[in-house]
N, C-alpha and C. Protein backbone atom coordinates (compact mmCIF):
# COMPACT_ATOMS: atom_id res chain seq x y z
N MET A 1 0.84 -1.19 0.00
CA MET A 1 0.00 0.00 0.00
C MET A 1 0.88 1.24 0.00
N LEU A 2 0.56 2.17 -0.89
CA LEU A 2 1.33 3.39 -1.04
C LEU A 2 0.42 4.58 -0.80
N HIS A 3 0.83 5.48 0.09
CA HIS A 3 0.12 6.73 0.32
C HIS A 3 0.89 7.84 -0.39
N ALA A 4 0.18 8.70 -1.10
CA ALA A 4 0.83 9.78 -1.84
C ALA A 4 0.19 11.12 -1.48
N PHE A 5 1.03 12.05 -1.07
CA PHE A 5 0.62 13.44 -0.86
C PHE A 5 1.19 14.22 -2.03
N VAL A 6 0.32 14.65 -2.93
CA VAL A 6 0.75 15.23 -4.19
C VAL A 6 0.49 16.73 -4.19
N TYR A 7 1.55 17.48 -4.51
CA TYR A 7 1.46 18.94 -4.51
C TYR A 7 1.73 19.46 -5.93
N ASN A 8 1.97 20.76 -6.05
CA ASN A 8 2.11 21.34 -7.37
C ASN A 8 3.35 20.82 -8.09
N ASP A 9 4.50 20.87 -7.42
CA ASP A 9 5.77 20.46 -8.04
C ASP A 9 6.38 19.22 -7.41
N THR A 10 5.86 18.78 -6.27
CA THR A 10 6.46 17.69 -5.52
C THR A 10 5.41 16.69 -5.06
N ALA A 11 5.88 15.58 -4.55
CA ALA A 11 5.01 14.60 -3.92
C ALA A 11 5.77 13.94 -2.79
N ILE A 12 5.07 13.59 -1.72
CA ILE A 12 5.62 12.82 -0.62
C ILE A 12 4.97 11.44 -0.66
N LEU A 13 5.77 10.40 -0.81
CA LEU A 13 5.28 9.02 -0.86
C LEU A 13 5.57 8.35 0.47
N VAL A 14 4.59 7.63 1.00
CA VAL A 14 4.71 6.97 2.30
C VAL A 14 4.26 5.53 2.16
N ARG A 15 5.09 4.59 2.66
CA ARG A 15 4.73 3.18 2.56
C ARG A 15 5.50 2.36 3.59
N HIS A 16 5.04 1.14 3.82
CA HIS A 16 5.81 0.17 4.60
C HIS A 16 6.84 -0.45 3.66
N TRP A 17 7.99 -0.85 4.26
CA TRP A 17 9.07 -1.43 3.46
C TRP A 17 9.69 -2.59 4.23
N PHE A 18 10.24 -3.54 3.46
CA PHE A 18 10.92 -4.70 4.03
C PHE A 18 12.17 -4.94 3.20
N GLU A 19 13.29 -5.17 3.86
CA GLU A 19 14.49 -5.49 3.10
C GLU A 19 15.42 -6.42 3.85
N VAL A 20 16.30 -7.03 3.07
CA VAL A 20 17.26 -8.01 3.58
C VAL A 20 18.66 -7.47 3.33
N SER A 21 19.50 -7.51 4.35
CA SER A 21 20.87 -7.04 4.18
C SER A 21 21.67 -8.09 3.40
N PRO A 22 22.27 -7.71 2.28
CA PRO A 22 23.08 -8.69 1.54
C PRO A 22 24.35 -9.07 2.30
N LYS A 23 24.77 -8.25 3.25
CA LYS A 23 26.02 -8.50 3.97
C LYS A 23 25.89 -9.65 4.97
N ASP A 24 24.86 -9.56 5.83
CA ASP A 24 24.74 -10.59 6.88
C ASP A 24 23.33 -11.16 7.00
N SER A 25 22.48 -10.89 6.02
CA SER A 25 21.13 -11.47 5.93
C SER A 25 20.17 -11.00 7.01
N HIS A 26 20.50 -9.95 7.78
CA HIS A 26 19.53 -9.50 8.77
C HIS A 26 18.38 -8.77 8.06
N LEU A 27 17.23 -8.75 8.71
CA LEU A 27 16.00 -8.22 8.12
C LEU A 27 15.63 -6.90 8.77
N GLU A 28 15.13 -5.98 7.97
CA GLU A 28 14.68 -4.68 8.45
C GLU A 28 13.29 -4.40 7.87
N HIS A 29 12.48 -3.69 8.64
CA HIS A 29 11.20 -3.23 8.10
C HIS A 29 10.76 -1.98 8.85
N GLY A 30 9.84 -1.27 8.24
CA GLY A 30 9.35 -0.03 8.83
C GLY A 30 8.79 0.86 7.75
N VAL A 31 8.69 2.15 8.05
CA VAL A 31 8.10 3.07 7.10
C VAL A 31 9.18 3.75 6.26
N ARG A 32 8.90 3.89 4.98
CA ARG A 32 9.77 4.61 4.05
C ARG A 32 9.00 5.81 3.51
N LEU A 33 9.66 6.95 3.49
CA LEU A 33 9.11 8.17 2.89
C LEU A 33 10.08 8.67 1.84
N GLU A 34 9.53 9.17 0.75
CA GLU A 34 10.37 9.76 -0.29
C GLU A 34 9.79 11.10 -0.73
N LEU A 35 10.68 12.04 -0.96
CA LEU A 35 10.34 13.28 -1.64
C LEU A 35 10.63 13.07 -3.12
N ARG A 36 9.63 13.25 -3.94
CA ARG A 36 9.77 13.11 -5.39
C ARG A 36 9.41 14.44 -6.07
N LEU A 37 9.97 14.66 -7.25
CA LEU A 37 9.58 15.79 -8.08
C LEU A 37 8.54 15.34 -9.09
N ARG A 38 7.52 16.16 -9.27
CA ARG A 38 6.54 15.88 -10.31
C ARG A 38 7.08 16.33 -11.66
N GLU A 39 6.70 15.61 -12.69
CA GLU A 39 7.10 15.95 -14.05
C GLU A 39 5.89 16.51 -14.79
N PRO A 40 6.00 17.73 -15.33
CA PRO A 40 4.88 18.30 -16.10
C PRO A 40 4.49 17.37 -17.25
N GLN A 41 3.21 17.24 -17.45
CA GLN A 41 2.70 16.36 -18.50
C GLN A 41 1.85 17.17 -19.48
N PRO A 42 1.89 16.82 -20.75
CA PRO A 42 1.03 17.52 -21.72
C PRO A 42 -0.44 17.25 -21.44
N LEU A 43 -1.26 18.27 -21.65
CA LEU A 43 -2.69 18.08 -21.48
C LEU A 43 -3.20 17.08 -22.49
N ARG A 44 -4.19 16.31 -22.09
CA ARG A 44 -4.78 15.33 -23.00
C ARG A 44 -6.30 15.41 -22.91
N GLY A 45 -6.95 15.11 -24.00
CA GLY A 45 -8.40 15.09 -24.00
C GLY A 45 -9.04 16.44 -23.80
N SER A 46 -10.26 16.41 -23.33
CA SER A 46 -11.04 17.62 -23.10
C SER A 46 -10.67 18.26 -21.78
N GLU A 47 -11.36 19.38 -21.47
CA GLU A 47 -11.11 20.05 -20.19
C GLU A 47 -11.55 19.19 -19.00
N SER A 48 -12.32 18.14 -19.26
CA SER A 48 -12.80 17.26 -18.18
C SER A 48 -12.01 15.95 -18.11
N ALA A 49 -11.07 15.77 -19.01
CA ALA A 49 -10.36 14.49 -19.07
C ALA A 49 -9.42 14.32 -17.88
N ALA A 50 -9.27 13.08 -17.45
CA ALA A 50 -8.29 12.76 -16.40
C ALA A 50 -6.89 12.98 -16.96
N GLN A 51 -6.04 13.62 -16.15
CA GLN A 51 -4.69 13.94 -16.58
C GLN A 51 -3.68 13.03 -15.91
N ARG A 52 -2.54 12.85 -16.54
CA ARG A 52 -1.47 12.01 -15.99
C ARG A 52 -0.81 12.72 -14.83
N ILE A 53 -0.49 11.95 -13.79
CA ILE A 53 0.26 12.44 -12.64
C ILE A 53 1.53 11.60 -12.54
N VAL A 54 2.68 12.23 -12.70
CA VAL A 54 3.96 11.53 -12.69
C VAL A 54 4.85 12.16 -11.64
N ALA A 55 5.26 11.37 -10.67
CA ALA A 55 6.18 11.84 -9.62
C ALA A 55 7.34 10.85 -9.59
N ASP A 56 8.29 11.04 -10.50
CA ASP A 56 9.28 10.00 -10.75
C ASP A 56 10.65 10.29 -10.14
N ARG A 57 11.11 11.55 -10.19
CA ARG A 57 12.49 11.83 -9.79
C ARG A 57 12.64 11.86 -8.27
N PRO A 58 13.43 10.95 -7.69
CA PRO A 58 13.62 10.95 -6.23
C PRO A 58 14.61 12.03 -5.81
N VAL A 59 14.33 12.64 -4.67
CA VAL A 59 15.18 13.71 -4.14
C VAL A 59 15.78 13.32 -2.78
N TRP A 60 14.98 12.69 -1.93
CA TRP A 60 15.33 12.44 -0.52
C TRP A 60 14.52 11.25 -0.06
N ARG A 61 15.10 10.47 0.86
CA ARG A 61 14.40 9.28 1.38
C ARG A 61 14.68 9.13 2.87
N ALA A 62 13.65 8.81 3.63
CA ALA A 62 13.79 8.48 5.05
C ALA A 62 13.31 7.05 5.27
N ASP A 63 14.13 6.23 5.89
CA ASP A 63 13.80 4.84 6.21
C ASP A 63 13.80 4.67 7.73
N LEU A 64 12.63 4.76 8.33
CA LEU A 64 12.52 4.67 9.78
C LEU A 64 12.23 3.21 10.13
N PHE A 65 13.31 2.42 10.16
CA PHE A 65 13.23 0.97 10.24
C PHE A 65 13.61 0.44 11.62
N ASP A 66 12.99 -0.69 11.97
CA ASP A 66 13.47 -1.57 13.04
C ASP A 66 14.22 -2.74 12.41
N ARG A 67 15.10 -3.34 13.18
CA ARG A 67 15.61 -4.65 12.82
C ARG A 67 14.61 -5.68 13.31
N VAL A 68 14.31 -6.68 12.45
CA VAL A 68 13.35 -7.71 12.83
C VAL A 68 13.84 -8.49 14.04
N ASP A 69 15.17 -8.65 14.16
CA ASP A 69 15.73 -9.39 15.30
C ASP A 69 16.04 -8.47 16.48
N GLY A 70 15.61 -7.22 16.41
CA GLY A 70 15.89 -6.27 17.47
C GLY A 70 14.67 -5.99 18.33
N THR A 71 14.71 -4.86 19.02
CA THR A 71 13.63 -4.44 19.91
C THR A 71 12.59 -3.66 19.12
N PRO A 72 11.32 -4.08 19.13
CA PRO A 72 10.30 -3.34 18.38
C PRO A 72 10.22 -1.88 18.85
N GLY A 73 10.20 -0.97 17.90
CA GLY A 73 10.09 0.44 18.23
C GLY A 73 11.39 1.11 18.63
N ALA A 74 12.50 0.39 18.53
CA ALA A 74 13.80 0.96 18.92
C ALA A 74 14.48 1.69 17.77
N PHE A 75 13.98 1.51 16.55
CA PHE A 75 14.52 2.19 15.36
C PHE A 75 16.02 1.94 15.21
N GLU A 76 16.42 0.70 15.44
CA GLU A 76 17.84 0.36 15.38
C GLU A 76 18.41 0.47 13.97
N ALA A 77 17.55 0.42 12.96
CA ALA A 77 18.02 0.53 11.58
C ALA A 77 17.55 1.82 10.92
N ALA A 78 17.07 2.78 11.70
CA ALA A 78 16.56 4.03 11.14
C ALA A 78 17.70 4.87 10.57
N HIS A 79 17.47 5.40 9.38
CA HIS A 79 18.48 6.20 8.68
C HIS A 79 17.78 7.02 7.62
N PHE A 80 18.53 7.83 6.90
CA PHE A 80 17.96 8.53 5.76
C PHE A 80 19.01 8.70 4.68
N HIS A 81 18.53 9.02 3.49
CA HIS A 81 19.38 9.26 2.33
C HIS A 81 19.14 10.70 1.89
N PRO A 82 20.07 11.60 2.21
CA PRO A 82 19.82 13.02 1.93
C PRO A 82 19.89 13.41 0.47
N ARG A 83 20.33 12.50 -0.40
CA ARG A 83 20.39 12.85 -1.82
C ARG A 83 20.39 11.57 -2.66
N PHE A 84 20.15 11.75 -3.94
CA PHE A 84 20.16 10.65 -4.91
C PHE A 84 21.10 10.99 -6.05
N ASP A 85 21.67 9.96 -6.65
CA ASP A 85 22.42 10.09 -7.90
C ASP A 85 21.55 9.42 -8.95
N GLY A 86 20.77 10.21 -9.66
CA GLY A 86 19.77 9.63 -10.54
C GLY A 86 18.70 8.95 -9.70
N VAL A 87 18.52 7.65 -9.92
CA VAL A 87 17.53 6.91 -9.14
C VAL A 87 18.15 6.17 -7.96
N GLU A 88 19.47 6.23 -7.82
CA GLU A 88 20.16 5.48 -6.77
C GLU A 88 20.40 6.38 -5.54
N PRO A 89 20.05 5.89 -4.35
CA PRO A 89 20.27 6.69 -3.15
C PRO A 89 21.74 6.73 -2.77
N CYS A 90 22.12 7.80 -2.08
CA CYS A 90 23.47 7.88 -1.53
C CYS A 90 23.58 6.92 -0.34
N GLU A 91 24.75 6.85 0.26
CA GLU A 91 24.94 5.99 1.42
C GLU A 91 24.00 6.39 2.56
N ARG A 92 23.73 5.46 3.44
CA ARG A 92 22.87 5.74 4.58
C ARG A 92 23.50 6.79 5.51
N ASN A 93 22.67 7.70 5.97
CA ASN A 93 23.08 8.68 6.97
C ASN A 93 22.45 8.27 8.29
N TRP A 94 23.30 8.04 9.29
CA TRP A 94 22.85 7.53 10.58
C TRP A 94 22.77 8.65 11.63
N ALA A 95 22.24 9.78 11.27
CA ALA A 95 22.13 10.90 12.21
C ALA A 95 21.45 10.45 13.49
N ASP A 96 21.98 10.89 14.63
CA ASP A 96 21.47 10.45 15.93
C ASP A 96 19.98 10.72 16.09
N ALA A 97 19.52 11.87 15.63
CA ALA A 97 18.12 12.25 15.84
C ALA A 97 17.16 11.32 15.12
N VAL A 98 17.59 10.73 14.01
CA VAL A 98 16.72 9.84 13.25
C VAL A 98 16.36 8.62 14.08
N LYS A 99 17.29 8.15 14.88
CA LYS A 99 17.05 6.98 15.72
C LYS A 99 16.46 7.36 17.08
N ALA A 100 16.89 8.49 17.62
CA ALA A 100 16.48 8.87 18.98
C ALA A 100 15.06 9.43 19.01
N THR A 101 14.74 10.31 18.08
CA THR A 101 13.42 10.96 18.04
C THR A 101 12.93 11.00 16.59
N PRO A 102 12.64 9.84 16.01
CA PRO A 102 12.36 9.78 14.57
C PRO A 102 11.16 10.60 14.13
N TRP A 103 10.09 10.59 14.92
CA TRP A 103 8.89 11.31 14.46
C TRP A 103 9.09 12.81 14.56
N GLU A 104 9.76 13.27 15.59
CA GLU A 104 10.05 14.70 15.69
C GLU A 104 11.02 15.12 14.58
N TRP A 105 12.02 14.28 14.32
CA TRP A 105 12.96 14.57 13.24
C TRP A 105 12.23 14.65 11.91
N LEU A 106 11.33 13.71 11.64
CA LEU A 106 10.58 13.69 10.40
C LEU A 106 9.73 14.95 10.26
N HIS A 107 9.04 15.33 11.33
CA HIS A 107 8.23 16.54 11.29
C HIS A 107 9.10 17.75 10.95
N GLY A 108 10.29 17.80 11.51
CA GLY A 108 11.20 18.91 11.22
C GLY A 108 11.61 18.95 9.77
N GLU A 109 11.91 17.79 9.19
CA GLU A 109 12.28 17.74 7.78
C GLU A 109 11.12 18.19 6.89
N LEU A 110 9.92 17.73 7.20
CA LEU A 110 8.75 18.08 6.40
C LEU A 110 8.38 19.55 6.55
N SER A 111 8.80 20.15 7.63
CA SER A 111 8.47 21.56 7.87
C SER A 111 9.27 22.52 7.01
N ASP A 112 10.32 22.04 6.36
CA ASP A 112 11.08 22.89 5.44
C ASP A 112 11.61 22.04 4.30
N ILE A 113 10.69 21.58 3.47
CA ILE A 113 11.08 20.67 2.39
C ILE A 113 11.93 21.38 1.36
N GLY A 114 11.84 22.71 1.31
CA GLY A 114 12.70 23.47 0.40
C GLY A 114 14.16 23.31 0.78
N ALA A 115 14.45 23.36 2.08
CA ALA A 115 15.83 23.17 2.55
C ALA A 115 16.29 21.74 2.31
N VAL A 116 15.39 20.77 2.48
CA VAL A 116 15.72 19.37 2.21
C VAL A 116 16.14 19.21 0.75
N ALA A 117 15.38 19.80 -0.16
CA ALA A 117 15.70 19.71 -1.58
C ALA A 117 17.00 20.45 -1.90
N GLU A 118 17.21 21.58 -1.24
CA GLU A 118 18.44 22.35 -1.47
C GLU A 118 19.65 21.53 -1.06
N ARG A 119 19.58 20.87 0.12
CA ARG A 119 20.71 20.04 0.58
C ARG A 119 20.94 18.85 -0.35
N ALA A 120 19.87 18.41 -1.01
CA ALA A 120 19.98 17.28 -1.95
C ALA A 120 20.56 17.71 -3.28
N GLY A 121 20.76 19.02 -3.46
CA GLY A 121 21.28 19.51 -4.73
C GLY A 121 20.22 19.63 -5.80
N VAL A 122 18.94 19.65 -5.38
CA VAL A 122 17.83 19.74 -6.32
C VAL A 122 16.90 20.86 -5.86
N PRO A 123 17.32 22.12 -5.96
CA PRO A 123 16.46 23.21 -5.50
C PRO A 123 15.16 23.25 -6.27
N LEU A 124 14.07 23.51 -5.56
CA LEU A 124 12.76 23.56 -6.20
C LEU A 124 12.64 24.83 -7.03
N ALA A 125 12.00 24.73 -8.19
CA ALA A 125 11.88 25.87 -9.09
C ALA A 125 11.05 26.99 -8.47
N ASP A 126 9.96 26.63 -7.81
CA ASP A 126 9.08 27.62 -7.18
C ASP A 126 8.61 27.03 -5.86
N PRO A 127 9.46 27.07 -4.84
CA PRO A 127 9.21 26.28 -3.63
C PRO A 127 8.12 26.82 -2.70
N ALA A 128 7.79 28.10 -2.80
CA ALA A 128 6.98 28.73 -1.76
C ALA A 128 5.68 27.97 -1.46
N ALA A 129 4.88 27.70 -2.51
CA ALA A 129 3.58 27.08 -2.28
C ALA A 129 3.71 25.68 -1.70
N ASP A 130 4.56 24.85 -2.31
CA ASP A 130 4.71 23.48 -1.83
C ASP A 130 5.26 23.45 -0.41
N VAL A 131 6.23 24.31 -0.11
CA VAL A 131 6.83 24.32 1.23
C VAL A 131 5.76 24.62 2.27
N GLU A 132 4.93 25.60 2.02
CA GLU A 132 3.89 25.96 2.99
C GLU A 132 2.84 24.86 3.12
N GLN A 133 2.45 24.26 2.00
CA GLN A 133 1.43 23.22 2.06
C GLN A 133 1.94 21.98 2.77
N ILE A 134 3.18 21.58 2.48
CA ILE A 134 3.74 20.39 3.14
C ILE A 134 3.94 20.66 4.63
N ARG A 135 4.38 21.86 4.97
CA ARG A 135 4.52 22.21 6.39
C ARG A 135 3.17 22.10 7.10
N ALA A 136 2.11 22.58 6.46
CA ALA A 136 0.78 22.49 7.07
C ALA A 136 0.31 21.05 7.18
N ASP A 137 0.70 20.21 6.22
CA ASP A 137 0.27 18.80 6.21
C ASP A 137 1.20 17.90 7.01
N ALA A 138 2.30 18.45 7.53
CA ALA A 138 3.30 17.61 8.21
C ALA A 138 2.70 16.72 9.30
N PRO A 139 1.81 17.23 10.18
CA PRO A 139 1.25 16.33 11.20
C PRO A 139 0.49 15.15 10.59
N GLU A 140 -0.25 15.39 9.51
CA GLU A 140 -0.98 14.30 8.86
C GLU A 140 -0.03 13.30 8.21
N ILE A 141 1.02 13.80 7.55
CA ILE A 141 1.99 12.91 6.92
C ILE A 141 2.68 12.05 7.97
N VAL A 142 3.06 12.66 9.09
CA VAL A 142 3.71 11.91 10.16
C VAL A 142 2.75 10.85 10.71
N ALA A 143 1.47 11.20 10.86
CA ALA A 143 0.50 10.23 11.37
C ALA A 143 0.36 9.04 10.43
N VAL A 144 0.35 9.29 9.13
CA VAL A 144 0.28 8.19 8.16
C VAL A 144 1.55 7.35 8.26
N ALA A 145 2.70 8.02 8.39
CA ALA A 145 3.96 7.29 8.54
C ALA A 145 3.93 6.40 9.78
N GLN A 146 3.41 6.91 10.87
CA GLN A 146 3.32 6.11 12.10
C GLN A 146 2.42 4.90 11.92
N SER A 147 1.40 5.02 11.06
CA SER A 147 0.49 3.89 10.83
C SER A 147 1.14 2.79 10.00
N ARG A 148 2.30 3.09 9.40
CA ARG A 148 3.03 2.09 8.62
C ARG A 148 4.38 1.77 9.24
N ALA A 149 4.54 2.09 10.51
CA ALA A 149 5.78 1.81 11.22
C ALA A 149 5.92 0.32 11.48
N ALA A 150 7.12 -0.09 11.83
CA ALA A 150 7.38 -1.51 12.10
C ALA A 150 6.50 -2.06 13.21
N THR A 151 6.21 -1.24 14.22
CA THR A 151 5.40 -1.69 15.35
C THR A 151 3.96 -1.96 14.96
N GLN A 152 3.54 -1.48 13.79
CA GLN A 152 2.18 -1.73 13.32
C GLN A 152 2.10 -2.96 12.43
N CYS A 153 3.23 -3.59 12.20
CA CYS A 153 3.30 -4.77 11.33
C CYS A 153 3.59 -5.98 12.21
N GLY A 154 2.58 -6.79 12.46
CA GLY A 154 2.71 -7.82 13.48
C GLY A 154 3.13 -9.20 13.01
N SER A 155 3.28 -9.39 11.71
CA SER A 155 3.63 -10.73 11.23
C SER A 155 4.28 -10.64 9.86
N ALA A 156 4.92 -11.74 9.48
CA ALA A 156 5.54 -11.80 8.16
C ALA A 156 4.50 -11.64 7.06
N HIS A 157 3.33 -12.23 7.26
CA HIS A 157 2.31 -12.18 6.21
C HIS A 157 1.72 -10.78 6.08
N GLN A 158 1.58 -10.06 7.20
CA GLN A 158 1.12 -8.68 7.11
C GLN A 158 2.16 -7.81 6.41
N CYS A 159 3.42 -8.03 6.74
CA CYS A 159 4.50 -7.30 6.12
C CYS A 159 4.49 -7.55 4.60
N TYR A 160 4.30 -8.78 4.21
CA TYR A 160 4.27 -9.12 2.79
C TYR A 160 3.06 -8.47 2.11
N ALA A 161 1.90 -8.48 2.77
CA ALA A 161 0.71 -7.87 2.19
C ALA A 161 0.92 -6.38 1.95
N TRP A 162 1.63 -5.72 2.85
CA TRP A 162 1.86 -4.28 2.72
C TRP A 162 2.95 -3.96 1.69
N THR A 163 3.77 -4.93 1.32
CA THR A 163 4.90 -4.66 0.42
C THR A 163 4.90 -5.57 -0.80
N ARG A 164 3.78 -6.18 -1.08
CA ARG A 164 3.73 -7.19 -2.13
C ARG A 164 4.18 -6.64 -3.48
N ASP A 165 3.86 -5.38 -3.76
CA ASP A 165 4.23 -4.80 -5.05
C ASP A 165 5.75 -4.70 -5.21
N ALA A 166 6.47 -4.67 -4.07
CA ALA A 166 7.93 -4.57 -4.11
C ALA A 166 8.61 -5.92 -3.99
N ALA A 167 7.85 -7.00 -4.03
CA ALA A 167 8.43 -8.34 -3.88
C ALA A 167 9.56 -8.62 -4.86
N PRO A 168 9.49 -8.19 -6.12
CA PRO A 168 10.62 -8.45 -7.03
C PRO A 168 11.93 -7.84 -6.54
N LEU A 169 11.86 -6.71 -5.83
CA LEU A 169 13.09 -6.11 -5.29
C LEU A 169 13.63 -6.95 -4.14
N VAL A 170 12.74 -7.48 -3.31
CA VAL A 170 13.19 -8.36 -2.23
C VAL A 170 13.78 -9.64 -2.81
N HIS A 171 13.19 -10.13 -3.89
CA HIS A 171 13.76 -11.31 -4.56
C HIS A 171 15.19 -11.03 -5.01
N LEU A 172 15.44 -9.82 -5.52
CA LEU A 172 16.81 -9.45 -5.91
C LEU A 172 17.74 -9.49 -4.70
N MET A 173 17.27 -8.95 -3.56
CA MET A 173 18.09 -8.96 -2.34
C MET A 173 18.41 -10.39 -1.93
N LEU A 174 17.41 -11.26 -1.99
CA LEU A 174 17.61 -12.65 -1.58
C LEU A 174 18.62 -13.36 -2.48
N GLY A 175 18.73 -12.90 -3.71
CA GLY A 175 19.68 -13.51 -4.62
C GLY A 175 21.09 -12.98 -4.47
N GLN A 176 21.29 -11.98 -3.58
CA GLN A 176 22.61 -11.36 -3.43
C GLN A 176 23.23 -11.61 -2.05
N LEU A 177 22.66 -12.53 -1.28
CA LEU A 177 23.12 -12.75 0.09
C LEU A 177 24.52 -13.35 0.13
N ARG A 178 25.39 -12.75 0.93
CA ARG A 178 26.74 -13.29 1.12
C ARG A 178 26.76 -14.39 2.18
N ARG A 179 25.79 -14.31 3.12
CA ARG A 179 25.71 -15.32 4.19
C ARG A 179 24.28 -15.87 4.24
N PRO A 180 23.84 -16.59 3.21
CA PRO A 180 22.45 -17.06 3.18
C PRO A 180 22.09 -17.97 4.33
N GLU A 181 23.09 -18.62 4.94
CA GLU A 181 22.80 -19.52 6.06
C GLU A 181 22.31 -18.76 7.29
N LEU A 182 22.53 -17.43 7.33
CA LEU A 182 22.09 -16.62 8.46
C LEU A 182 20.66 -16.09 8.30
N LEU A 183 20.06 -16.32 7.17
CA LEU A 183 18.73 -15.77 6.90
C LEU A 183 17.68 -16.41 7.80
N ASP A 184 16.81 -15.57 8.39
CA ASP A 184 15.65 -16.04 9.14
C ASP A 184 14.60 -16.46 8.11
N ARG A 185 14.65 -17.71 7.73
CA ARG A 185 13.82 -18.19 6.63
C ARG A 185 12.33 -18.19 7.00
N GLU A 186 12.02 -18.35 8.28
CA GLU A 186 10.61 -18.31 8.68
C GLU A 186 10.04 -16.91 8.47
N ARG A 187 10.81 -15.89 8.87
CA ARG A 187 10.32 -14.50 8.73
C ARG A 187 10.32 -14.07 7.27
N ALA A 188 11.22 -14.61 6.49
CA ALA A 188 11.29 -14.25 5.07
C ALA A 188 10.48 -15.18 4.18
N ALA A 189 9.72 -16.11 4.79
CA ALA A 189 9.03 -17.15 4.03
C ALA A 189 8.12 -16.62 2.92
N PRO A 190 7.30 -15.58 3.15
CA PRO A 190 6.42 -15.14 2.05
C PRO A 190 7.17 -14.71 0.80
N TRP A 191 8.32 -14.10 0.99
CA TRP A 191 9.11 -13.66 -0.17
C TRP A 191 9.84 -14.84 -0.80
N LEU A 192 10.32 -15.76 0.02
CA LEU A 192 10.97 -16.96 -0.52
C LEU A 192 9.98 -17.78 -1.34
N GLU A 193 8.76 -17.90 -0.82
CA GLU A 193 7.75 -18.72 -1.50
C GLU A 193 7.23 -18.07 -2.77
N SER A 194 7.35 -16.75 -2.87
CA SER A 194 6.80 -16.05 -4.04
C SER A 194 7.84 -15.84 -5.13
N ARG A 195 9.08 -16.31 -4.88
CA ARG A 195 10.11 -16.15 -5.92
C ARG A 195 9.75 -16.98 -7.14
N PRO A 196 9.98 -16.41 -8.33
CA PRO A 196 9.73 -17.20 -9.55
C PRO A 196 10.59 -18.46 -9.55
N GLN A 197 9.99 -19.55 -9.96
CA GLN A 197 10.73 -20.81 -10.03
C GLN A 197 11.63 -20.81 -11.26
N GLU A 198 12.87 -21.26 -11.06
CA GLU A 198 13.77 -21.38 -12.20
C GLU A 198 13.33 -22.55 -13.07
N THR A 199 13.39 -22.33 -14.35
CA THR A 199 13.01 -23.38 -15.30
C THR A 199 14.25 -23.89 -16.02
N THR A 200 14.24 -25.15 -16.31
CA THR A 200 15.36 -25.75 -17.04
C THR A 200 14.84 -26.29 -18.36
N THR A 201 15.66 -26.22 -19.35
CA THR A 201 15.30 -26.70 -20.68
C THR A 201 15.88 -28.09 -20.89
N ALA A 202 15.02 -29.01 -21.22
CA ALA A 202 15.48 -30.38 -21.44
C ALA A 202 16.36 -30.42 -22.68
N SER A 203 17.43 -31.20 -22.58
CA SER A 203 18.34 -31.31 -23.73
C SER A 203 17.94 -32.50 -24.59
């Protein structure tokens, strides 16, 4: 499930996320938020026609994650990506506030999204309207984020239901594990079971 707050030039996307560390197979889940830029689209049809909405270019990402093997609500894996190189995020930023007071930190970031975009190297063309609207909506966005936090996800199957559209990405992670013997296969079962079966061609 994906929640989208769409503004004139930007959009804030909010969803639950699940991932597997390729290094040591530990599991993380929680809420992911992204700041995206909207792309202007040509008008189509009549004045009443539905128009395309495209929010493709990523600017900033916050991953307020727990470790599945850790303490629920401790945000042991919480981090953010202050910038992107194309579609790829920069290295994780482990700022203390993201883990210590994640919701207050998030509210602060949303309260000045123009500065967030500036630090990302993607200044908004006309930031005034979007900045004010997102600041006003910040409490609602944070509330939606809290509803998709790790503590609201009580089982592997619920986690899978909330992230099913991203299952192909988890399948990629599962295929890159350096220590597959460390994987919690019970917790990762829905993604393991949904992987496409390899086919062999008879000779």
